[in-house]
Amino acid sequence: MLATKPQVVETLDTAKLELYRLIGEGYKAMQEGRTSTIDEVREKLKKRREERG
């Protein structure tokens, strides 16, 4: 069971980093006055998930 804990922590850390990156990207876009539709954001996220495999 100890062998699975590092993988879970690593997955959570990766997910947190991705979330923070997306929040930062969104904040920067707001400051610049850029907008995206919900469909554009969904498509962008879908492509990223496919790239990660």
C-alpha atoms as a PDB file:
ATOM      1  CA  MET A   1       0.000   0.000   0.000  1.00  0.00           C
ATOM      2  CA  LEU A   2       2.897   2.364   0.537  1.00  0.00           C
ATOM      3  CA  ALA A   3       3.845   2.032  -3.117  1.00  0.00           C
ATOM      4  CA  THR A   4       0.534   3.548  -4.246  1.00  0.00           C
ATOM      5  CA  LYS A   5       0.682   6.647  -2.050  1.00  0.00           C
ATOM      6  CA  PRO A   6       3.448   8.446  -3.992  1.00  0.00           C
ATOM      7  CA  GLN A   7       1.516   7.948  -7.235  1.00  0.00           C
ATOM      8  CA  VAL A   8      -1.622   9.447  -5.707  1.00  0.00           C
ATOM      9  CA  VAL A   9       0.308  12.423  -4.331  1.00  0.00           C
ATOM     10  CA  GLU A  10       2.041  12.930  -7.677  1.00  0.00           C
ATOM     11  CA  THR A  11      -1.311  12.826  -9.508  1.00  0.00           C
ATOM     12  CA  LEU A  12      -2.825  15.327  -7.081  1.00  0.00           C
ATOM     13  CA  ASP A  13       0.190  17.628  -7.408  1.00  0.00           C
ATOM     14  CA  THR A  14      -0.006  17.462 -11.193  1.00  0.00           C
ATOM     15  CA  ALA A  15      -3.724  18.223 -11.126  1.00  0.00           C
ATOM     16  CA  LYS A  16      -3.186  21.167  -8.760  1.00  0.00           C
ATOM     17  CA  LEU A  17      -0.434  22.591 -10.932  1.00  0.00           C
ATOM     18  CA  GLU A  18      -2.647  22.308 -14.010  1.00  0.00           C
ATOM     19  CA  LEU A  19      -5.507  24.030 -12.174  1.00  0.00           C
ATOM     20  CA  TYR A  20      -3.280  26.871 -10.998  1.00  0.00           C
ATOM     21  CA  ARG A  21      -1.860  27.263 -14.493  1.00  0.00           C
ATOM     22  CA  LEU A  22      -5.358  27.492 -15.979  1.00  0.00           C
ATOM     23  CA  ILE A  23      -6.435  30.009 -13.343  1.00  0.00           C
ATOM     24  CA  GLY A  24      -3.365  32.108 -14.078  1.00  0.00           C
ATOM     25  CA  GLU A  25      -4.010  31.907 -17.798  1.00  0.00           C
ATOM     26  CA  GLY A  26      -7.617  32.981 -17.263  1.00  0.00           C
ATOM     27  CA  TYR A  27      -6.601  35.874 -15.038  1.00  0.00           C
ATOM     28  CA  LYS A  28      -4.092  37.102 -17.594  1.00  0.00           C
ATOM     29  CA  ALA A  29      -6.725  36.840 -20.338  1.00  0.00           C
ATOM     30  CA  MET A  30      -9.151  38.907 -18.235  1.00  0.00           C
ATOM     31  CA  GLN A  31      -6.533  41.604 -17.737  1.00  0.00           C
ATOM     32  CA  GLU A  32      -5.912  41.723 -21.480  1.00  0.00           C
ATOM     33  CA  GLY A  33      -9.643  41.821 -22.242  1.00  0.00           C
ATOM     34  CA  ARG A  34      -9.664  38.505 -24.082  1.00  0.00           C
ATOM     35  CA  THR A  35     -12.762  36.308 -23.923  1.00  0.00           C
ATOM     36  CA  SER A  36     -13.534  32.712 -24.851  1.00  0.00           C
ATOM     37  CA  THR A  37     -16.803  30.892 -25.167  1.00  0.00           C
ATOM     38  CA  ILE A  38     -17.539  27.851 -23.016  1.00  0.00           C
ATOM     39  CA  ASP A  39     -17.288  25.654 -26.116  1.00  0.00           C
ATOM     40  CA  GLU A  40     -13.821  27.018 -26.935  1.00  0.00           C
ATOM     41  CA  VAL A  41     -12.629  26.314 -23.400  1.00  0.00           C
ATOM     42  CA  ARG A  42     -14.082  22.784 -23.457  1.00  0.00           C
ATOM     43  CA  GLU A  43     -12.365  22.044 -26.761  1.00  0.00           C
ATOM     44  CA  LYS A  44      -9.062  23.400 -25.454  1.00  0.00           C
ATOM     45  CA  LEU A  45      -9.285  21.223 -22.331  1.00  0.00           C
ATOM     46  CA  LYS A  46     -10.249  18.185 -24.407  1.00  0.00           C
ATOM     47  CA  LYS A  47      -7.160  18.637 -26.601  1.00  0.00           C
ATOM     48  CA  ARG A  48      -4.893  18.936 -23.545  1.00  0.00           C
ATOM     49  CA  ARG A  49      -6.303  15.744 -22.042  1.00  0.00           C
ATOM     50  CA  GLU A  50      -5.723  13.909 -25.314  1.00  0.00           C
ATOM     51  CA  GLU A  51      -2.129  15.163 -25.425  1.00  0.00           C
ATOM     52  CA  ARG A  52      -1.483  13.882 -21.896  1.00  0.00           C
ATOM     53  CA  GLY A  53      -2.956  10.532 -22.884  1.00  0.00           C
END
